[in-house]
Amino acid sequence: MIEERQAKTSNGYTAIVVLFFLQIGGLVGIGSLSEVLWLILFPGSIIVFICWFGFFMVNPNESRVMQLFGSYAGSEGQTGLRWANPLYKKSRISLRVRNFESGTLKVNDSTGNPIDIAAVVVWKVVDTAEALFEVDSYENFVTIQSEAALRNLATTHPYDSHDDEEGFCLRSNPDQVAELLKKEVQNHLSKAGVEVIEARISHLAYAPEIASAMLQRQQASAIVAARVKIVEGAVGMVELALESLAKKDVIQMDDERKAAMVSNLLVVLCGESQAQPVVNTGSLYT
């Protein structure tokens, strides 16, 4: 692989002064010297004139990649006016941070459910030689490989966890998913001289054809979970009530009366509608 290295360049302002005096000296010498010296100085003046085409500007967060007859000659990232061999081909590459937002992809998660997913990738070029020479077009390479990494992440993890114990899933673990996506994209872009700064999912939902059914499933799971909490709380309250009655010796109850009291309290505490009191004028045993 071609690795980035520093190109041989010079300060542009110093080069202007040097070339100016060489050009003036050559022109004066051509007009005042003999024919033999004129034949020597004239080609030199032509070379100095060609050297004027070696100036180029490097903007902030930018780099110039130098090529000499197809060979990599180095990169220059120092900002300002620079001078290099005028025969160099100078390609401009931006080092600024860029955003890429993928389109909405339809994939199957690890459980086989179709989902729609999209992501935003923040990246920048860190090795200009690899970016220019190792891939055909590093911008298109970033686009395609980011979407491939996103597909791979979505197919190896579930959209949601439906087990009793909450596990890793795309919906409930955004920070961990972002870190995994960043590593996945970086692995795909390692040969293009690109650094991934951040990668996050920007859109995540069930595919329209199963969204309604999955919504009902989520609602049912939420209702069951809420009922479990209600029953746990009601049992605790009944237990506390029985212990308090027994401790304070308010009333003596046999097992049948305790069972009736527990039944009534659970109906009141766990019922969806407000309980309506019923006055019993008889006896529990009649």
Protein backbone atom coordinates (compact mmCIF):
# COMPACT_ATOMS: atom_id res chain seq x y z
CA MET A 1 0.00 0.00 0.00
CA ILE A 2 1.10 3.56 -0.75
CA GLU A 3 1.66 5.55 2.44
CA GLU A 4 1.55 9.31 2.69
CA ARG A 5 4.89 11.14 2.86
CA GLN A 6 6.01 14.74 2.79
CA ALA A 7 6.64 16.24 -0.63
CA LYS A 8 9.72 18.32 -1.40
CA THR A 9 8.38 21.86 -1.62
CA SER A 10 9.60 25.34 -0.74
CA ASN A 11 8.15 28.50 0.70
CA GLY A 12 6.40 30.31 -2.13
CA TYR A 13 7.37 33.83 -1.11
CA THR A 14 11.07 32.93 -0.94
CA ALA A 15 10.79 31.24 -4.33
CA ILE A 16 9.27 34.42 -5.83
CA VAL A 17 12.26 36.50 -4.74
CA VAL A 18 14.81 33.95 -5.98
CA LEU A 19 13.13 33.46 -9.36
CA PHE A 20 12.69 37.19 -9.81
CA PHE A 21 16.41 37.91 -9.42
CA LEU A 22 17.37 34.91 -11.55
CA GLN A 23 15.01 36.03 -14.30
CA ILE A 24 16.24 39.65 -14.22
CA GLY A 25 19.87 38.54 -14.07
CA GLY A 26 19.40 36.19 -17.00
CA LEU A 27 17.75 38.86 -19.17
CA VAL A 28 20.45 41.41 -18.39
CA GLY A 29 23.18 38.88 -19.06
CA ILE A 30 21.70 37.86 -22.38
CA GLY A 31 21.73 41.46 -23.63
CA SER A 32 25.29 42.30 -22.55
CA LEU A 33 27.38 39.16 -22.95
CA SER A 34 29.06 37.50 -25.90
CA GLU A 35 27.36 35.08 -28.21
CA VAL A 36 28.83 32.03 -26.45
CA LEU A 37 27.61 33.11 -23.01
CA TRP A 38 24.30 34.09 -24.56
CA LEU A 39 23.81 30.51 -25.74
CA ILE A 40 24.42 29.35 -22.15
CA LEU A 41 22.21 31.91 -20.39
CA PHE A 42 19.27 31.72 -22.78
CA PRO A 43 18.32 28.08 -21.93
CA GLY A 44 18.76 28.98 -18.26
CA SER A 45 16.29 31.83 -18.63
CA ILE A 46 13.82 29.46 -20.26
CA ILE A 47 14.15 27.08 -17.30
CA VAL A 48 13.62 29.92 -14.84
CA PHE A 49 10.54 30.99 -16.78
CA ILE A 50 9.13 27.44 -16.57
CA CYS A 51 9.78 27.40 -12.81
CA TRP A 52 7.24 30.22 -12.43
CA PHE A 53 4.55 27.62 -13.09
CA GLY A 54 5.51 25.70 -9.94
CA PHE A 55 3.58 27.93 -7.52
CA PHE A 56 0.43 26.64 -5.88
CA MET A 57 -1.77 27.51 -2.90
CA VAL A 58 -2.71 25.21 -0.03
CA ASN A 59 -5.87 26.23 1.84
CA PRO A 60 -6.59 25.37 5.49
CA ASN A 61 -7.71 21.75 6.01
CA GLU A 62 -6.51 20.86 2.54
CA SER A 63 -3.65 18.89 1.05
CA ARG A 64 -2.01 18.67 -2.36
CA VAL A 65 -0.87 15.29 -3.68
CA MET A 66 2.15 15.47 -6.03
CA GLN A 67 2.70 13.11 -8.96
CA LEU A 68 5.65 13.09 -11.31
CA PHE A 69 4.97 11.19 -14.55
CA GLY A 70 2.57 8.85 -12.76
CA SER A 71 4.74 8.28 -9.67
CA TYR A 72 3.73 9.46 -6.22
CA ALA A 73 6.08 12.26 -5.14
CA GLY A 74 4.56 13.17 -1.76
CA SER A 75 1.85 15.32 -0.21
CA GLU A 76 1.94 18.90 1.02
CA GLY A 77 -0.39 20.01 3.81
CA GLN A 78 1.34 23.20 4.97
CA THR A 79 -0.99 26.10 4.28
CA GLY A 80 -0.08 29.17 2.26
CA LEU A 81 1.82 29.82 -0.97
CA ARG A 82 4.17 26.96 -1.83
CA TRP A 83 6.51 26.12 -4.70
CA ALA A 84 7.35 22.71 -6.12
CA ASN A 85 8.67 21.18 -9.30
CA PRO A 86 6.50 22.64 -12.11
CA LEU A 87 6.32 19.18 -13.70
CA TYR A 88 4.41 17.87 -10.69
CA LYS A 89 0.73 17.13 -11.14
CA LYS A 90 -0.93 18.61 -8.06
CA SER A 91 -4.23 17.03 -6.97
CA ARG A 92 -6.34 18.82 -4.37
CA ILE A 93 -7.85 16.74 -1.52
CA SER A 94 -10.00 18.20 1.24
CA LEU A 95 -9.21 17.20 4.85
CA ARG A 96 -12.38 18.76 6.22
CA VAL A 97 -14.88 16.77 8.29
CA ARG A 98 -17.78 15.53 6.16
CA ASN A 99 -21.22 14.05 6.78
CA PHE A 100 -22.74 11.16 4.91
CA GLU A 101 -26.35 10.10 5.46
CA SER A 102 -27.31 6.77 3.99
CA GLY A 103 -30.64 6.12 2.37
CA THR A 104 -33.28 4.11 4.22
CA LEU A 105 -32.33 0.45 3.82
CA LYS A 106 -34.75 -2.46 4.22
CA VAL A 107 -33.02 -5.45 5.83
CA ASN A 108 -33.91 -8.40 8.03
CA ASP A 109 -32.65 -8.29 11.61
CA SER A 110 -31.15 -11.33 13.35
CA THR A 111 -34.64 -12.67 14.17
CA GLY A 112 -35.81 -12.38 10.53
CA ASN A 113 -38.06 -9.35 10.98
CA PRO A 114 -37.87 -6.78 8.14
CA ILE A 115 -36.81 -3.34 9.37
CA ASP A 116 -36.05 0.06 7.86
CA ILE A 117 -32.73 1.53 8.96
CA ALA A 118 -30.53 4.52 8.07
CA ALA A 119 -27.38 6.04 9.55
CA VAL A 120 -25.25 9.19 9.58
CA VAL A 121 -21.47 8.79 9.26
CA VAL A 122 -19.04 11.62 10.11
CA TRP A 123 -15.66 11.11 8.45
CA LYS A 124 -12.54 12.78 7.10
CA VAL A 125 -9.47 11.90 5.02
CA VAL A 126 -6.34 11.28 7.12
CA ASP A 127 -4.05 9.67 4.50
CA THR A 128 -4.18 11.44 1.14
CA ALA A 129 -2.03 8.85 -0.65
CA GLU A 130 -4.31 5.95 0.28
CA ALA A 131 -7.44 7.99 -0.49
CA LEU A 132 -6.21 8.89 -3.98
CA PHE A 133 -4.36 5.76 -5.08
CA GLU A 134 -5.79 2.77 -3.16
CA VAL A 135 -9.43 3.19 -4.24
CA ASP A 136 -11.01 4.43 -7.43
CA SER A 137 -13.13 7.16 -5.81
CA TYR A 138 -12.85 7.48 -2.04
CA GLU A 139 -16.13 9.40 -1.74
CA ASN A 140 -18.11 6.67 -3.51
CA PHE A 141 -16.15 4.09 -1.54
CA VAL A 142 -17.29 5.69 1.73
CA THR A 143 -20.91 5.67 0.55
CA ILE A 144 -21.01 2.03 -0.52
CA GLN A 145 -18.96 0.61 2.36
CA SER A 146 -20.92 2.56 5.00
CA GLU A 147 -24.18 1.10 3.73
CA ALA A 148 -22.61 -2.37 3.64
CA ALA A 149 -21.47 -1.99 7.26
CA LEU A 150 -24.94 -0.80 8.27
CA ARG A 151 -26.56 -3.83 6.62
CA ASN A 152 -24.14 -6.17 8.37
CA LEU A 153 -24.87 -4.59 11.77
CA ALA A 154 -28.64 -4.80 11.27
CA THR A 155 -28.57 -8.46 10.23
CA THR A 156 -26.49 -9.58 13.23
CA HIS A 157 -28.59 -7.97 15.99
CA PRO A 158 -32.32 -7.98 16.82
CA TYR A 159 -34.45 -4.88 16.46
CA ASP A 160 -36.02 -5.40 19.89
CA SER A 161 -35.70 -7.82 22.78
CA HIS A 162 -38.86 -9.82 23.48
CA ASP A 163 -37.44 -12.01 26.24
CA ASP A 164 -38.12 -11.60 29.92
CA GLU A 165 -34.52 -10.50 30.42
CA GLU A 166 -33.62 -7.37 28.51
CA GLY A 167 -30.82 -8.17 26.05
CA PHE A 168 -28.80 -6.22 23.51
CA CYS A 169 -30.92 -4.84 20.68
CA LEU A 170 -30.83 -2.00 18.16
CA ARG A 171 -33.73 -0.06 19.70
CA SER A 172 -32.76 -0.06 23.37
CA ASN A 173 -28.98 0.37 23.22
CA PRO A 174 -28.25 3.44 21.06
CA ASP A 175 -24.80 4.21 22.49
CA GLN A 176 -23.52 0.65 22.16
CA VAL A 177 -25.01 0.38 18.68
CA ALA A 178 -23.30 3.65 17.65
CA GLU A 179 -19.93 2.34 18.88
CA LEU A 180 -20.38 -0.96 17.05
CA LEU A 181 -21.43 0.83 13.87
CA LYS A 182 -18.41 3.13 14.05
CA LYS A 183 -16.03 0.16 14.36
CA GLU A 184 -17.82 -1.70 11.56
CA VAL A 185 -17.62 1.25 9.17
CA GLN A 186 -13.99 1.94 10.09
CA ASN A 187 -13.05 -1.67 9.29
CA HIS A 188 -14.63 -1.31 5.86
CA LEU A 189 -12.83 2.01 5.18
CA SER A 190 -9.40 1.12 6.55
CA LYS A 191 -7.89 0.85 3.04
CA ALA A 192 -9.14 4.23 1.85
CA GLY A 193 -7.18 6.51 4.21
CA VAL A 194 -10.41 7.59 5.92
CA GLU A 195 -11.07 8.03 9.65
CA VAL A 196 -14.61 7.59 10.97
CA ILE A 197 -15.27 10.19 13.67
CA GLU A 198 -18.83 9.18 14.52
CA ALA A 199 -21.54 6.89 13.22
CA ARG A 200 -25.11 6.83 14.52
CA ILE A 201 -28.43 5.38 13.42
CA SER A 202 -30.71 8.17 12.19
CA HIS A 203 -33.80 6.08 11.38
CA LEU A 204 -34.95 2.75 12.81
CA ALA A 205 -38.41 1.21 12.49
CA TYR A 206 -40.18 -1.98 11.55
CA ALA A 207 -41.03 -2.29 7.88
CA PRO A 208 -44.58 -1.07 7.09
CA GLU A 209 -45.87 -4.58 6.33
CA ILE A 210 -45.28 -5.78 9.92
CA ALA A 211 -45.34 -2.50 11.84
CA SER A 212 -48.98 -2.89 12.94
CA ALA A 213 -48.49 -6.46 14.20
CA MET A 214 -45.30 -5.56 16.05
CA LEU A 215 -47.02 -2.57 17.65
CA GLN A 216 -49.73 -4.88 19.02
CA ARG A 217 -47.02 -7.20 20.31
CA GLN A 218 -45.26 -4.35 22.07
CA GLN A 219 -48.53 -3.16 23.59
CA ALA A 220 -49.33 -6.67 24.82
CA SER A 221 -45.86 -7.01 26.36
CA ALA A 222 -46.26 -3.66 28.09
CA ILE A 223 -49.68 -4.65 29.48
CA VAL A 224 -48.34 -7.97 30.80
CA ALA A 225 -45.35 -6.25 32.40
CA ALA A 226 -47.64 -3.68 34.05
CA ARG A 227 -49.96 -6.42 35.34
CA VAL A 228 -47.01 -8.26 36.87
CA LYS A 229 -46.01 -5.13 38.79
CA ILE A 230 -49.59 -4.54 39.93
CA VAL A 231 -49.98 -8.11 41.21
CA GLU A 232 -46.62 -7.97 43.00
CA GLY A 233 -47.65 -4.74 44.72
CA ALA A 234 -51.12 -6.06 45.62
CA VAL A 235 -49.70 -9.24 47.17
CA GLY A 236 -47.32 -7.16 49.24
CA MET A 237 -50.11 -4.90 50.44
CA VAL A 238 -52.32 -7.89 51.41
CA GLU A 239 -49.44 -9.52 53.26
CA LEU A 240 -48.76 -6.28 55.12
CA ALA A 241 -52.44 -5.93 56.03
CA LEU A 242 -52.67 -9.44 57.44
CA GLU A 243 -49.47 -8.99 59.43
CA SER A 244 -50.69 -5.68 60.86
CA LEU A 245 -54.06 -7.15 61.89
CA ALA A 246 -52.39 -10.11 63.54
CA LYS A 247 -49.79 -7.98 65.32
CA LYS A 248 -52.29 -5.48 66.74
CA ASP A 249 -54.79 -8.26 67.56
CA VAL A 250 -57.60 -6.24 65.98
CA ILE A 251 -59.60 -9.27 64.94
CA GLN A 252 -59.18 -12.99 65.05
CA MET A 253 -59.73 -14.69 61.68
CA ASP A 254 -59.64 -18.29 60.67
CA ASP A 255 -58.22 -19.48 57.36
CA GLU A 256 -61.53 -19.16 55.54
CA ARG A 257 -61.99 -15.52 56.61
CA LYS A 258 -58.40 -14.75 55.67
CA ALA A 259 -58.98 -16.29 52.24
CA ALA A 260 -62.10 -14.15 51.76
CA MET A 261 -60.23 -11.01 52.82
CA VAL A 262 -57.32 -11.76 50.48
CA SER A 263 -59.74 -12.37 47.61
CA ASN A 264 -61.56 -9.08 48.22
CA LEU A 265 -58.35 -7.06 48.55
CA LEU A 266 -56.89 -8.52 45.35
CA VAL A 267 -60.08 -7.72 43.45
CA VAL A 268 -59.97 -4.12 44.70
CA LEU A 269 -56.24 -3.62 44.05
CA CYS A 270 -55.93 -5.46 40.74
CA GLY A 271 -59.24 -4.57 39.11
CA GLU A 272 -59.26 -2.21 36.12
CA SER A 273 -62.44 -0.39 37.22
CA GLN A 274 -63.24 1.16 40.57
CA ALA A 275 -64.63 -1.35 43.07
CA GLN A 276 -68.27 -0.97 44.18
CA PRO A 277 -68.83 -1.77 47.88
CA VAL A 278 -71.44 -4.40 48.77
CA VAL A 279 -72.88 -4.46 52.28
CA ASN A 280 -73.20 -8.03 53.60
CA THR A 281 -76.02 -8.24 56.14
CA GLY A 282 -75.61 -11.90 56.68
CA SER A 283 -72.78 -14.09 57.86
CA LEU A 284 -69.84 -15.53 56.01
CA TYR A 285 -71.06 -19.01 56.94
CA THR A 286 -74.75 -18.54 55.98
